[in-house]
């Protein structure tokens, strides 16, 4: 099978390519990536000599490029997206361009070149936020209620995917996942930022009082869920993917990380909360019941694997770490001015 992966040099995309080619070595993958700050060629440099893998540098908004590479593709798995909430607060228009217009352009190419099977990677953040103290969980039936420019852009892209299914008969599926973590994640995100701060002898910043809660999904578990949807999922359906039976407060995640890295509680510091800081809990009963999927990693085991990877791969994250911290300084200065 010939597969087009968008955003395959990013965190989840590169892990998925590794996962897929390990399990399906005879498939051919075209990786279309714009190589933004969040992409890293080193993520897949060991695949450069693999005859079944090719990298195309380009923008999903480039219709001429899509007309060149999409014909003959049997499956599109769409990861490419701007995904950092804090950056969406800083530059919302960028998220509209990439996440909304980019998805539309890719859907149009899939329709134009033979109604190609299309799987869209989305987020649980499209559902909004859960109230503190509530036992609610997001599911496939939860109404959309996005809070940030990021989640709004992803909600819009989800709607476009569904519209191409219902209006044009495009064979699509959508997955809305919880917060991912694991190897190759940019150190601007919470888990790798915690780990790399501690490796650098710096404190871990915690928004507000750390009471916000999340469902955490180890990236390889996410990849196996996507595989299950591609192979067994019902066309036109959405599947929620989560990693935990119970959510974890941010402060509890920090405490776990400190314990696993043998660092004292004094290594955390509370900072001003960010706007529209949501809470997430995911009900993944549908994908478990219908497709037989469940996560393999606990939060402790996944965190341990992630800590070990960042500890052993400083050369991968060092430059990205400097860029991420420069962004946070800029963002904090902006907040102070406002």
C-alpha atoms as a PDB file:
ATOM      1  CA  UNK A   1       0.000   0.000   0.000  1.00  0.00           C
ATOM      2  CA  UNK A   2       1.161   3.518  -0.811  1.00  0.00           C
ATOM      3  CA  UNK A   3       0.501   5.962   2.039  1.00  0.00           C
ATOM      4  CA  UNK A   4       0.812   9.734   2.301  1.00  0.00           C
ATOM      5  CA  UNK A   5       1.639  10.951   5.802  1.00  0.00           C
ATOM      6  CA  UNK A   6       1.436  14.691   6.438  1.00  0.00           C
ATOM      7  CA  UNK A   7       3.576  16.218   9.165  1.00  0.00           C
ATOM      8  CA  UNK A   8       5.628  13.066   9.496  1.00  0.00           C
ATOM      9  CA  UNK A   9       8.693  14.811  10.907  1.00  0.00           C
ATOM     10  CA  UNK A  10       6.711  16.039  13.899  1.00  0.00           C
ATOM     11  CA  UNK A  11       6.274  14.250  17.190  1.00  0.00           C
ATOM     12  CA  UNK A  12       3.319  11.926  16.601  1.00  0.00           C
ATOM     13  CA  UNK A  13       3.823  11.639  12.850  1.00  0.00           C
ATOM     14  CA  UNK A  14       7.414  10.443  13.102  1.00  0.00           C
ATOM     15  CA  UNK A  15       6.518   7.936  15.808  1.00  0.00           C
ATOM     16  CA  UNK A  16       3.688   6.667  13.619  1.00  0.00           C
ATOM     17  CA  UNK A  17       5.965   6.201  10.600  1.00  0.00           C
ATOM     18  CA  UNK A  18       8.380   4.232  12.766  1.00  0.00           C
ATOM     19  CA  UNK A  19       5.531   2.154  14.154  1.00  0.00           C
ATOM     20  CA  UNK A  20       3.905   1.516  10.764  1.00  0.00           C
ATOM     21  CA  UNK A  21       7.025   0.549   8.818  1.00  0.00           C
ATOM     22  CA  UNK A  22       8.088  -1.792  11.602  1.00  0.00           C
ATOM     23  CA  UNK A  23       4.765  -3.615  11.358  1.00  0.00           C
ATOM     24  CA  UNK A  24       4.146  -3.126   7.623  1.00  0.00           C
ATOM     25  CA  UNK A  25       7.622  -3.093   6.050  1.00  0.00           C
ATOM     26  CA  UNK A  26       6.350  -3.641   2.500  1.00  0.00           C
ATOM     27  CA  UNK A  27       4.183  -0.507   2.486  1.00  0.00           C
ATOM     28  CA  UNK A  28       5.514   2.677   0.874  1.00  0.00           C
ATOM     29  CA  UNK A  29       5.303   5.958   2.751  1.00  0.00           C
ATOM     30  CA  UNK A  30       5.559   9.487   1.381  1.00  0.00           C
ATOM     31  CA  UNK A  31       6.159  11.942   4.204  1.00  0.00           C
ATOM     32  CA  UNK A  32       5.002  15.467   3.312  1.00  0.00           C
ATOM     33  CA  UNK A  33       6.353  17.950   5.839  1.00  0.00           C
ATOM     34  CA  UNK A  34       6.851  21.721   5.763  1.00  0.00           C
ATOM     35  CA  UNK A  35       9.719  21.478   8.263  1.00  0.00           C
ATOM     36  CA  UNK A  36       8.448  24.122  10.673  1.00  0.00           C
ATOM     37  CA  UNK A  37      10.083  24.612  14.087  1.00  0.00           C
ATOM     38  CA  UNK A  38       8.201  21.541  15.384  1.00  0.00           C
ATOM     39  CA  UNK A  39       9.625  19.221  12.726  1.00  0.00           C
ATOM     40  CA  UNK A  40      13.025  17.628  13.068  1.00  0.00           C
ATOM     41  CA  UNK A  41      14.734  15.712  10.231  1.00  0.00           C
ATOM     42  CA  UNK A  42      16.675  13.783  12.883  1.00  0.00           C
ATOM     43  CA  UNK A  43      13.410  12.101  13.918  1.00  0.00           C
ATOM     44  CA  UNK A  44      13.616   9.802  10.902  1.00  0.00           C
ATOM     45  CA  UNK A  45      17.202  10.188   9.674  1.00  0.00           C
ATOM     46  CA  UNK A  46      17.771   6.449  10.065  1.00  0.00           C
ATOM     47  CA  UNK A  47      15.089   5.876   7.402  1.00  0.00           C
ATOM     48  CA  UNK A  48      16.882   7.906   4.720  1.00  0.00           C
ATOM     49  CA  UNK A  49      18.165   4.749   3.037  1.00  0.00           C
ATOM     50  CA  UNK A  50      14.865   2.866   3.319  1.00  0.00           C
ATOM     51  CA  UNK A  51      13.511   2.411  -0.240  1.00  0.00           C
ATOM     52  CA  UNK A  52       9.940   2.394   1.086  1.00  0.00           C
ATOM     53  CA  UNK A  53      10.267   5.819   2.717  1.00  0.00           C
ATOM     54  CA  UNK A  54      10.591   9.208   1.024  1.00  0.00           C
ATOM     55  CA  UNK A  55      10.471  12.743   2.383  1.00  0.00           C
ATOM     56  CA  UNK A  56       8.907  15.591   0.423  1.00  0.00           C
ATOM     57  CA  UNK A  57       9.453  19.072   1.798  1.00  0.00           C
ATOM     58  CA  UNK A  58       6.369  21.123   1.151  1.00  0.00           C
ATOM     59  CA  UNK A  59       3.158  22.747   2.361  1.00  0.00           C
ATOM     60  CA  UNK A  60      -0.201  20.973   2.473  1.00  0.00           C
ATOM     61  CA  UNK A  61      -1.615  24.221   1.040  1.00  0.00           C
ATOM     62  CA  UNK A  62       0.424  23.770  -2.153  1.00  0.00           C
ATOM     63  CA  UNK A  63      -2.144  22.372  -4.594  1.00  0.00           C
ATOM     64  CA  UNK A  64       0.384  21.927  -7.403  1.00  0.00           C
ATOM     65  CA  UNK A  65       2.600  19.828  -5.163  1.00  0.00           C
ATOM     66  CA  UNK A  66      -0.357  17.734  -4.015  1.00  0.00           C
ATOM     67  CA  UNK A  67      -1.300  17.094  -7.645  1.00  0.00           C
ATOM     68  CA  UNK A  68       2.172  15.619  -8.106  1.00  0.00           C
ATOM     69  CA  UNK A  69       2.348  13.339  -5.078  1.00  0.00           C
ATOM     70  CA  UNK A  70      -1.249  12.322  -4.318  1.00  0.00           C
ATOM     71  CA  UNK A  71      -2.052  10.280  -7.480  1.00  0.00           C
ATOM     72  CA  UNK A  72      -1.530   6.601  -6.756  1.00  0.00           C
ATOM     73  CA  UNK A  73      -1.804   7.056  -2.972  1.00  0.00           C
ATOM     74  CA  UNK A  74      -4.241   4.648  -1.333  1.00  0.00           C
ATOM     75  CA  UNK A  75      -4.355   6.163   2.164  1.00  0.00           C
ATOM     76  CA  UNK A  76      -3.751   9.630   3.624  1.00  0.00           C
ATOM     77  CA  UNK A  77      -3.040   9.969   7.345  1.00  0.00           C
ATOM     78  CA  UNK A  78      -3.194  13.647   8.233  1.00  0.00           C
ATOM     79  CA  UNK A  79      -1.039  14.673  11.209  1.00  0.00           C
ATOM     80  CA  UNK A  80       0.200  18.066   9.981  1.00  0.00           C
ATOM     81  CA  UNK A  81      -1.042  20.792  12.323  1.00  0.00           C
ATOM     82  CA  UNK A  82      -0.043  23.641  14.535  1.00  0.00           C
ATOM     83  CA  UNK A  83      -0.742  22.186  17.963  1.00  0.00           C
ATOM     84  CA  UNK A  84       0.598  24.338  20.797  1.00  0.00           C
ATOM     85  CA  UNK A  85      -2.132  26.213  22.706  1.00  0.00           C
ATOM     86  CA  UNK A  86       0.214  28.947  23.935  1.00  0.00           C
ATOM     87  CA  UNK A  87       1.393  29.623  20.372  1.00  0.00           C
ATOM     88  CA  UNK A  88      -2.225  29.821  19.194  1.00  0.00           C
ATOM     89  CA  UNK A  89      -2.799  32.590  21.737  1.00  0.00           C
ATOM     90  CA  UNK A  90       0.224  34.399  20.330  1.00  0.00           C
ATOM     91  CA  UNK A  91      -0.679  33.933  16.612  1.00  0.00           C
ATOM     92  CA  UNK A  92      -4.218  32.607  15.959  1.00  0.00           C
ATOM     93  CA  UNK A  93      -4.139  33.247  12.209  1.00  0.00           C
ATOM     94  CA  UNK A  94      -1.307  30.779  11.707  1.00  0.00           C
ATOM     95  CA  UNK A  95      -3.541  28.075  13.180  1.00  0.00           C
ATOM     96  CA  UNK A  96      -6.423  28.978  10.869  1.00  0.00           C
ATOM     97  CA  UNK A  97      -4.131  28.768   7.855  1.00  0.00           C
ATOM     98  CA  UNK A  98      -2.502  25.441   8.669  1.00  0.00           C
ATOM     99  CA  UNK A  99      -5.234  23.573  10.507  1.00  0.00           C
ATOM    100  CA  UNK A 100      -8.328  24.764   8.642  1.00  0.00           C
ATOM    101  CA  UNK A 101      -7.231  25.765   5.148  1.00  0.00           C
ATOM    102  CA  UNK A 102      -4.527  23.100   5.073  1.00  0.00           C
ATOM    103  CA  UNK A 103      -6.993  20.338   5.919  1.00  0.00           C
ATOM    104  CA  UNK A 104      -9.466  21.631   3.346  1.00  0.00           C
ATOM    105  CA  UNK A 105      -6.783  21.672   0.631  1.00  0.00           C
ATOM    106  CA  UNK A 106      -5.731  18.128   1.468  1.00  0.00           C
ATOM    107  CA  UNK A 107      -9.337  16.893   1.481  1.00  0.00           C
ATOM    108  CA  UNK A 108      -9.857  18.484  -1.936  1.00  0.00           C
ATOM    109  CA  UNK A 109      -6.803  16.651  -3.274  1.00  0.00           C
ATOM    110  CA  UNK A 110      -8.060  13.349  -1.862  1.00  0.00           C
ATOM    111  CA  UNK A 111     -11.422  13.912  -3.555  1.00  0.00           C
ATOM    112  CA  UNK A 112      -9.853  15.005  -6.847  1.00  0.00           C
ATOM    113  CA  UNK A 113      -7.559  12.010  -7.155  1.00  0.00           C
ATOM    114  CA  UNK A 114      -9.994   9.171  -6.650  1.00  0.00           C
ATOM    115  CA  UNK A 115     -11.721   9.623  -3.279  1.00  0.00           C
ATOM    116  CA  UNK A 116      -8.708   8.403  -1.328  1.00  0.00           C
ATOM    117  CA  UNK A 117      -9.174   6.877   2.115  1.00  0.00           C
ATOM    118  CA  UNK A 118      -8.503   9.692   4.612  1.00  0.00           C
ATOM    119  CA  UNK A 119      -7.776   9.463   8.328  1.00  0.00           C
ATOM    120  CA  UNK A 120      -7.713  12.731  10.242  1.00  0.00           C
ATOM    121  CA  UNK A 121      -5.818  13.139  13.522  1.00  0.00           C
ATOM    122  CA  UNK A 122      -7.608  15.499  15.898  1.00  0.00           C
ATOM    123  CA  UNK A 123      -7.728  16.329  19.587  1.00  0.00           C
ATOM    124  CA  UNK A 124     -10.031  16.019  22.571  1.00  0.00           C
ATOM    125  CA  UNK A 125      -9.602  19.758  23.073  1.00  0.00           C
ATOM    126  CA  UNK A 126     -12.353  20.390  20.488  1.00  0.00           C
ATOM    127  CA  UNK A 127     -14.850  19.381  23.201  1.00  0.00           C
ATOM    128  CA  UNK A 128     -13.904  22.249  25.506  1.00  0.00           C
ATOM    129  CA  UNK A 129     -13.397  21.818  29.214  1.00  0.00           C
ATOM    130  CA  UNK A 130     -14.782  19.679  32.026  1.00  0.00           C
ATOM    131  CA  UNK A 131     -15.830  21.336  35.256  1.00  0.00           C
ATOM    132  CA  UNK A 132     -13.730  20.742  38.356  1.00  0.00           C
ATOM    133  CA  UNK A 133     -15.351  18.027  40.441  1.00  0.00           C
ATOM    134  CA  UNK A 134     -17.339  16.606  37.543  1.00  0.00           C
ATOM    135  CA  UNK A 135     -17.211  12.926  36.582  1.00  0.00           C
ATOM    136  CA  UNK A 136     -17.937  13.821  32.941  1.00  0.00           C
ATOM    137  CA  UNK A 137     -15.811  12.357  30.164  1.00  0.00           C
ATOM    138  CA  UNK A 138     -15.510  13.386  26.548  1.00  0.00           C
ATOM    139  CA  UNK A 139     -16.927  10.886  24.089  1.00  0.00           C
ATOM    140  CA  UNK A 140     -17.780  10.751  20.400  1.00  0.00           C
ATOM    141  CA  UNK A 141     -21.197  12.249  21.242  1.00  0.00           C
ATOM    142  CA  UNK A 142     -19.891  15.241  23.215  1.00  0.00           C
ATOM    143  CA  UNK A 143     -20.863  18.575  21.583  1.00  0.00           C
ATOM    144  CA  UNK A 144     -17.970  20.706  20.353  1.00  0.00           C
ATOM    145  CA  UNK A 145     -17.131  23.650  22.585  1.00  0.00           C
ATOM    146  CA  UNK A 146     -13.537  24.755  21.829  1.00  0.00           C
ATOM    147  CA  UNK A 147     -11.856  27.254  24.134  1.00  0.00           C
ATOM    148  CA  UNK A 148      -8.614  28.305  22.426  1.00  0.00           C
ATOM    149  CA  UNK A 149      -7.688  29.354  18.881  1.00  0.00           C
ATOM    150  CA  UNK A 150      -5.901  25.986  18.597  1.00  0.00           C
ATOM    151  CA  UNK A 151      -8.917  23.879  19.552  1.00  0.00           C
ATOM    152  CA  UNK A 152     -11.198  26.085  17.448  1.00  0.00           C
ATOM    153  CA  UNK A 153      -9.055  25.479  14.390  1.00  0.00           C
ATOM    154  CA  UNK A 154      -9.052  21.730  14.988  1.00  0.00           C
ATOM    155  CA  UNK A 155     -12.822  21.723  15.514  1.00  0.00           C
ATOM    156  CA  UNK A 156     -13.249  23.459  12.180  1.00  0.00           C
ATOM    157  CA  UNK A 157     -10.990  20.945  10.450  1.00  0.00           C
ATOM    158  CA  UNK A 158     -13.013  18.063  11.937  1.00  0.00           C
ATOM    159  CA  UNK A 159     -16.189  19.572  10.520  1.00  0.00           C
ATOM    160  CA  UNK A 160     -14.620  19.890   7.078  1.00  0.00           C
ATOM    161  CA  UNK A 161     -13.591  16.228   7.167  1.00  0.00           C
ATOM    162  CA  UNK A 162     -17.137  15.163   8.023  1.00  0.00           C
ATOM    163  CA  UNK A 163     -18.596  17.426   5.364  1.00  0.00           C
ATOM    164  CA  UNK A 164     -16.424  15.829   2.672  1.00  0.00           C
ATOM    165  CA  UNK A 165     -17.681  12.439   3.812  1.00  0.00           C
ATOM    166  CA  UNK A 166     -21.341  13.379   3.807  1.00  0.00           C
ATOM    167  CA  UNK A 167     -21.347  15.635   0.744  1.00  0.00           C
ATOM    168  CA  UNK A 168     -18.823  13.946  -1.548  1.00  0.00           C
ATOM    169  CA  UNK A 169     -18.645  10.402  -0.195  1.00  0.00           C
ATOM    170  CA  UNK A 170     -14.976  10.668   0.765  1.00  0.00           C
ATOM    171  CA  UNK A 171     -14.041   7.606   2.877  1.00  0.00           C
ATOM    172  CA  UNK A 172     -12.915   9.195   6.132  1.00  0.00           C
ATOM    173  CA  UNK A 173     -12.364   8.462   9.795  1.00  0.00           C
ATOM    174  CA  UNK A 174     -11.451  10.869  12.597  1.00  0.00           C
ATOM    175  CA  UNK A 175      -9.689  10.241  15.885  1.00  0.00           C
ATOM    176  CA  UNK A 176      -9.794  12.674  18.800  1.00  0.00           C
ATOM    177  CA  UNK A 177      -6.935  11.867  21.144  1.00  0.00           C
ATOM    178  CA  UNK A 178      -5.935  13.051  24.582  1.00  0.00           C
ATOM    179  CA  UNK A 179      -2.571  14.617  25.452  1.00  0.00           C
ATOM    180  CA  UNK A 180       0.301  12.646  23.941  1.00  0.00           C
ATOM    181  CA  UNK A 181       3.782  12.257  25.403  1.00  0.00           C
ATOM    182  CA  UNK A 182       6.862  10.196  24.600  1.00  0.00           C
ATOM    183  CA  UNK A 183      10.095  10.294  22.540  1.00  0.00           C
ATOM    184  CA  UNK A 184      10.683  13.013  19.930  1.00  0.00           C
ATOM    185  CA  UNK A 185       8.218  15.512  21.462  1.00  0.00           C
ATOM    186  CA  UNK A 186       9.261  19.160  21.206  1.00  0.00           C
ATOM    187  CA  UNK A 187      10.398  20.477  24.613  1.00  0.00           C
ATOM    188  CA  UNK A 188       7.849  23.282  24.518  1.00  0.00           C
ATOM    189  CA  UNK A 189       5.213  20.729  25.619  1.00  0.00           C
ATOM    190  CA  UNK A 190       4.553  19.973  29.282  1.00  0.00           C
ATOM    191  CA  UNK A 191       6.120  16.531  29.770  1.00  0.00           C
ATOM    192  CA  UNK A 192       9.382  17.067  27.861  1.00  0.00           C
ATOM    193  CA  UNK A 193       9.690  20.582  29.253  1.00  0.00           C
ATOM    194  CA  UNK A 194       9.482  19.180  32.783  1.00  0.00           C
ATOM    195  CA  UNK A 195      12.029  16.492  32.062  1.00  0.00           C
ATOM    196  CA  UNK A 196      14.511  18.733  30.248  1.00  0.00           C
ATOM    197  CA  UNK A 197      14.207  21.449  32.899  1.00  0.00           C
ATOM    198  CA  UNK A 198      15.125  18.913  35.569  1.00  0.00           C
ATOM    199  CA  UNK A 199      17.983  17.556  33.468  1.00  0.00           C
ATOM    200  CA  UNK A 200      19.242  21.145  33.205  1.00  0.00           C
ATOM    201  CA  UNK A 201      18.962  21.711  36.958  1.00  0.00           C
ATOM    202  CA  UNK A 202      16.035  24.123  36.556  1.00  0.00           C
ATOM    203  CA  UNK A 203      12.680  24.197  38.278  1.00  0.00           C
ATOM    204  CA  UNK A 204       9.474  22.887  36.720  1.00  0.00           C
ATOM    205  CA  UNK A 205       6.904  25.661  36.052  1.00  0.00           C
ATOM    206  CA  UNK A 206       3.322  24.685  36.949  1.00  0.00           C
ATOM    207  CA  UNK A 207       0.395  26.776  35.707  1.00  0.00           C
ATOM    208  CA  UNK A 208      -1.890  28.110  38.437  1.00  0.00           C
ATOM    209  CA  UNK A 209      -2.097  25.633  41.312  1.00  0.00           C
ATOM    210  CA  UNK A 210      -1.659  22.591  39.083  1.00  0.00           C
ATOM    211  CA  UNK A 211      -5.260  21.535  39.637  1.00  0.00           C
ATOM    212  CA  UNK A 212      -6.132  21.186  35.941  1.00  0.00           C
ATOM    213  CA  UNK A 213      -6.482  17.566  34.917  1.00  0.00           C
ATOM    214  CA  UNK A 214      -5.661  15.578  31.785  1.00  0.00           C
ATOM    215  CA  UNK A 215      -5.835  12.162  30.210  1.00  0.00           C
ATOM    216  CA  UNK A 216      -2.281  11.230  29.131  1.00  0.00           C
ATOM    217  CA  UNK A 217      -1.626   8.956  26.141  1.00  0.00           C
ATOM    218  CA  UNK A 218       1.774   7.407  25.428  1.00  0.00           C
ATOM    219  CA  UNK A 219       2.561   8.002  21.764  1.00  0.00           C
ATOM    220  CA  UNK A 220       3.072   4.329  20.789  1.00  0.00           C
ATOM    221  CA  UNK A 221      -0.362   3.544  22.208  1.00  0.00           C
ATOM    222  CA  UNK A 222      -1.757   6.320  20.043  1.00  0.00           C
ATOM    223  CA  UNK A 223      -0.044   4.798  16.991  1.00  0.00           C
ATOM    224  CA  UNK A 224      -1.570   1.381  17.678  1.00  0.00           C
ATOM    225  CA  UNK A 225      -5.009   2.988  18.006  1.00  0.00           C
ATOM    226  CA  UNK A 226      -4.629   4.728  14.632  1.00  0.00           C
ATOM    227  CA  UNK A 227      -3.609   1.410  13.083  1.00  0.00           C
ATOM    228  CA  UNK A 228      -6.740  -0.221  14.503  1.00  0.00           C
ATOM    229  CA  UNK A 229      -8.950   2.546  13.071  1.00  0.00           C
ATOM    230  CA  UNK A 230      -7.320   2.343   9.637  1.00  0.00           C
ATOM    231  CA  UNK A 231      -7.661  -1.425   9.495  1.00  0.00           C
ATOM    232  CA  UNK A 232     -11.002  -1.985  11.248  1.00  0.00           C
ATOM    233  CA  UNK A 233     -12.699   1.373  11.761  1.00  0.00           C
ATOM    234  CA  UNK A 234     -16.092   2.117  10.225  1.00  0.00           C
ATOM    235  CA  UNK A 235     -15.989   4.785   7.525  1.00  0.00           C
ATOM    236  CA  UNK A 236     -17.545   8.088   8.530  1.00  0.00           C
ATOM    237  CA  UNK A 237     -17.012   7.373  12.231  1.00  0.00           C
ATOM    238  CA  UNK A 238     -15.095   9.181  14.955  1.00  0.00           C
ATOM    239  CA  UNK A 239     -13.095   7.393  17.651  1.00  0.00           C
ATOM    240  CA  UNK A 240     -11.884   8.937  20.910  1.00  0.00           C
ATOM    241  CA  UNK A 241      -8.473   7.714  22.078  1.00  0.00           C
ATOM    242  CA  UNK A 242      -7.347   7.990  25.693  1.00  0.00           C
ATOM    243  CA  UNK A 243      -4.504   6.557  27.708  1.00  0.00           C
ATOM    244  CA  UNK A 244      -5.765   6.334  31.291  1.00  0.00           C
ATOM    245  CA  UNK A 245      -8.659   4.879  33.253  1.00  0.00           C
ATOM    246  CA  UNK A 246      -8.566   7.939  35.519  1.00  0.00           C
ATOM    247  CA  UNK A 247      -7.337  11.433  34.739  1.00  0.00           C
ATOM    248  CA  UNK A 248      -4.263  12.965  36.347  1.00  0.00           C
ATOM    249  CA  UNK A 249      -3.967  16.472  37.753  1.00  0.00           C
ATOM    250  CA  UNK A 250      -1.027  18.434  36.406  1.00  0.00           C
ATOM    251  CA  UNK A 251       0.441  18.709  39.884  1.00  0.00           C
ATOM    252  CA  UNK A 252       0.245  14.926  40.290  1.00  0.00           C
ATOM    253  CA  UNK A 253       2.041  14.451  36.972  1.00  0.00           C
ATOM    254  CA  UNK A 254       4.792  16.779  38.185  1.00  0.00           C
ATOM    255  CA  UNK A 255       5.084  14.859  41.457  1.00  0.00           C
ATOM    256  CA  UNK A 256       5.357  11.560  39.555  1.00  0.00           C
ATOM    257  CA  UNK A 257       8.094  12.991  37.341  1.00  0.00           C
ATOM    258  CA  UNK A 258      10.042  14.369  40.302  1.00  0.00           C
ATOM    259  CA  UNK A 259       9.824  11.000  42.045  1.00  0.00           C
ATOM    260  CA  UNK A 260      10.906   9.036  38.955  1.00  0.00           C
ATOM    261  CA  UNK A 261      13.854  11.413  38.462  1.00  0.00           C
ATOM    262  CA  UNK A 262      14.697  11.395  42.183  1.00  0.00           C
ATOM    263  CA  UNK A 263      14.277  15.151  42.550  1.00  0.00           C
ATOM    264  CA  UNK A 264      12.844  17.059  45.558  1.00  0.00           C
ATOM    265  CA  UNK A 265       9.454  18.781  45.639  1.00  0.00           C
ATOM    266  CA  UNK A 266      11.294  22.112  45.885  1.00  0.00           C
ATOM    267  CA  UNK A 267      12.117  21.743  42.169  1.00  0.00           C
ATOM    268  CA  UNK A 268       8.624  22.893  41.147  1.00  0.00           C
ATOM    269  CA  UNK A 269       7.358  26.471  41.026  1.00  0.00           C
ATOM    270  CA  UNK A 270       3.858  27.806  40.446  1.00  0.00           C
ATOM    271  CA  UNK A 271       3.443  30.399  37.692  1.00  0.00           C
ATOM    272  CA  UNK A 272       0.571  32.504  36.380  1.00  0.00           C
ATOM    273  CA  UNK A 273      -2.096  30.361  34.759  1.00  0.00           C
ATOM    274  CA  UNK A 274      -2.671  30.613  31.020  1.00  0.00           C
ATOM    275  CA  UNK A 275      -5.992  31.856  29.540  1.00  0.00           C
ATOM    276  CA  UNK A 276      -8.692  29.264  28.820  1.00  0.00           C
ATOM    277  CA  UNK A 277      -6.849  26.489  30.654  1.00  0.00           C
ATOM    278  CA  UNK A 278      -9.081  23.463  30.083  1.00  0.00           C
ATOM    279  CA  UNK A 279      -9.617  20.119  31.774  1.00  0.00           C
ATOM    280  CA  UNK A 280      -9.864  16.897  29.766  1.00  0.00           C
ATOM    281  CA  UNK A 281     -11.068  13.363  30.440  1.00  0.00           C
ATOM    282  CA  UNK A 282     -11.616  10.871  27.625  1.00  0.00           C
ATOM    283  CA  UNK A 283     -13.992   7.940  27.403  1.00  0.00           C
ATOM    284  CA  UNK A 284     -12.391   5.450  24.992  1.00  0.00           C
ATOM    285  CA  UNK A 285     -14.995   2.698  25.422  1.00  0.00           C
ATOM    286  CA  UNK A 286     -16.035   2.827  21.751  1.00  0.00           C
ATOM    287  CA  UNK A 287     -12.627   2.036  20.260  1.00  0.00           C
ATOM    288  CA  UNK A 288     -12.094  -0.623  22.907  1.00  0.00           C
ATOM    289  CA  UNK A 289     -15.482  -2.225  22.372  1.00  0.00           C
ATOM    290  CA  UNK A 290     -15.662  -2.033  18.572  1.00  0.00           C
ATOM    291  CA  UNK A 291     -12.005  -2.385  17.558  1.00  0.00           C
ATOM    292  CA  UNK A 292     -10.506  -4.263  20.513  1.00  0.00           C
ATOM    293  CA  UNK A 293      -7.964  -1.549  21.317  1.00  0.00           C
ATOM    294  CA  UNK A 294      -6.632  -0.526  24.730  1.00  0.00           C
ATOM    295  CA  UNK A 295      -3.435   1.258  25.830  1.00  0.00           C
ATOM    296  CA  UNK A 296      -0.423  -0.814  26.848  1.00  0.00           C
ATOM    297  CA  UNK A 297       1.355   1.757  29.018  1.00  0.00           C
ATOM    298  CA  UNK A 298       0.459   3.050  32.447  1.00  0.00           C
ATOM    299  CA  UNK A 299       1.317   6.647  33.244  1.00  0.00           C
ATOM    300  CA  UNK A 300       4.250   5.489  35.369  1.00  0.00           C
ATOM    301  CA  UNK A 301       5.680   3.143  32.724  1.00  0.00           C
ATOM    302  CA  UNK A 302       5.215   5.658  29.926  1.00  0.00           C
ATOM    303  CA  UNK A 303       6.830   8.444  31.937  1.00  0.00           C
ATOM    304  CA  UNK A 304       9.773   6.194  32.794  1.00  0.00           C
ATOM    305  CA  UNK A 305      10.352   5.392  29.114  1.00  0.00           C
ATOM    306  CA  UNK A 306      10.088   9.078  28.227  1.00  0.00           C
ATOM    307  CA  UNK A 307      12.526  10.160  30.951  1.00  0.00           C
ATOM    308  CA  UNK A 308      15.022   7.545  29.799  1.00  0.00           C
ATOM    309  CA  UNK A 309      14.751   8.701  26.182  1.00  0.00           C
ATOM    310  CA  UNK A 310      15.321  12.402  26.938  1.00  0.00           C
ATOM    311  CA  UNK A 311      18.145  11.552  29.325  1.00  0.00           C
ATOM    312  CA  UNK A 312      19.895   9.619  26.548  1.00  0.00           C
ATOM    313  CA  UNK A 313      19.190  12.077  23.702  1.00  0.00           C
ATOM    314  CA  UNK A 314      20.295  15.548  24.788  1.00  0.00           C
ATOM    315  CA  UNK A 315      21.775  16.211  21.339  1.00  0.00           C
ATOM    316  CA  UNK A 316      18.255  15.858  19.895  1.00  0.00           C
ATOM    317  CA  UNK A 317      16.495  18.308  22.220  1.00  0.00           C
ATOM    318  CA  UNK A 318      19.179  20.858  23.169  1.00  0.00           C
ATOM    319  CA  UNK A 319      18.627  23.394  20.338  1.00  0.00           C
ATOM    320  CA  UNK A 320      14.840  23.007  20.423  1.00  0.00           C
ATOM    321  CA  UNK A 321      14.929  23.587  24.172  1.00  0.00           C
ATOM    322  CA  UNK A 322      16.630  26.952  23.729  1.00  0.00           C
ATOM    323  CA  UNK A 323      14.047  27.984  21.133  1.00  0.00           C
ATOM    324  CA  UNK A 324      11.157  26.887  23.336  1.00  0.00           C
ATOM    325  CA  UNK A 325      12.374  28.799  26.373  1.00  0.00           C
ATOM    326  CA  UNK A 326      12.887  31.909  24.244  1.00  0.00           C
ATOM    327  CA  UNK A 327       9.255  31.612  23.142  1.00  0.00           C
ATOM    328  CA  UNK A 328       8.026  31.359  26.732  1.00  0.00           C
ATOM    329  CA  UNK A 329       9.996  34.485  27.656  1.00  0.00           C
ATOM    330  CA  UNK A 330       8.368  36.295  24.746  1.00  0.00           C
ATOM    331  CA  UNK A 331       4.917  35.054  25.747  1.00  0.00           C
ATOM    332  CA  UNK A 332       5.361  36.070  29.376  1.00  0.00           C
ATOM    333  CA  UNK A 333       6.532  39.531  28.325  1.00  0.00           C
ATOM    334  CA  UNK A 334       3.432  39.839  26.127  1.00  0.00           C
ATOM    335  CA  UNK A 335       1.177  38.862  29.036  1.00  0.00           C
ATOM    336  CA  UNK A 336       2.841  41.402  31.296  1.00  0.00           C
ATOM    337  CA  UNK A 337       2.322  44.169  28.732  1.00  0.00           C
ATOM    338  CA  UNK A 338      -1.313  43.200  28.292  1.00  0.00           C
END
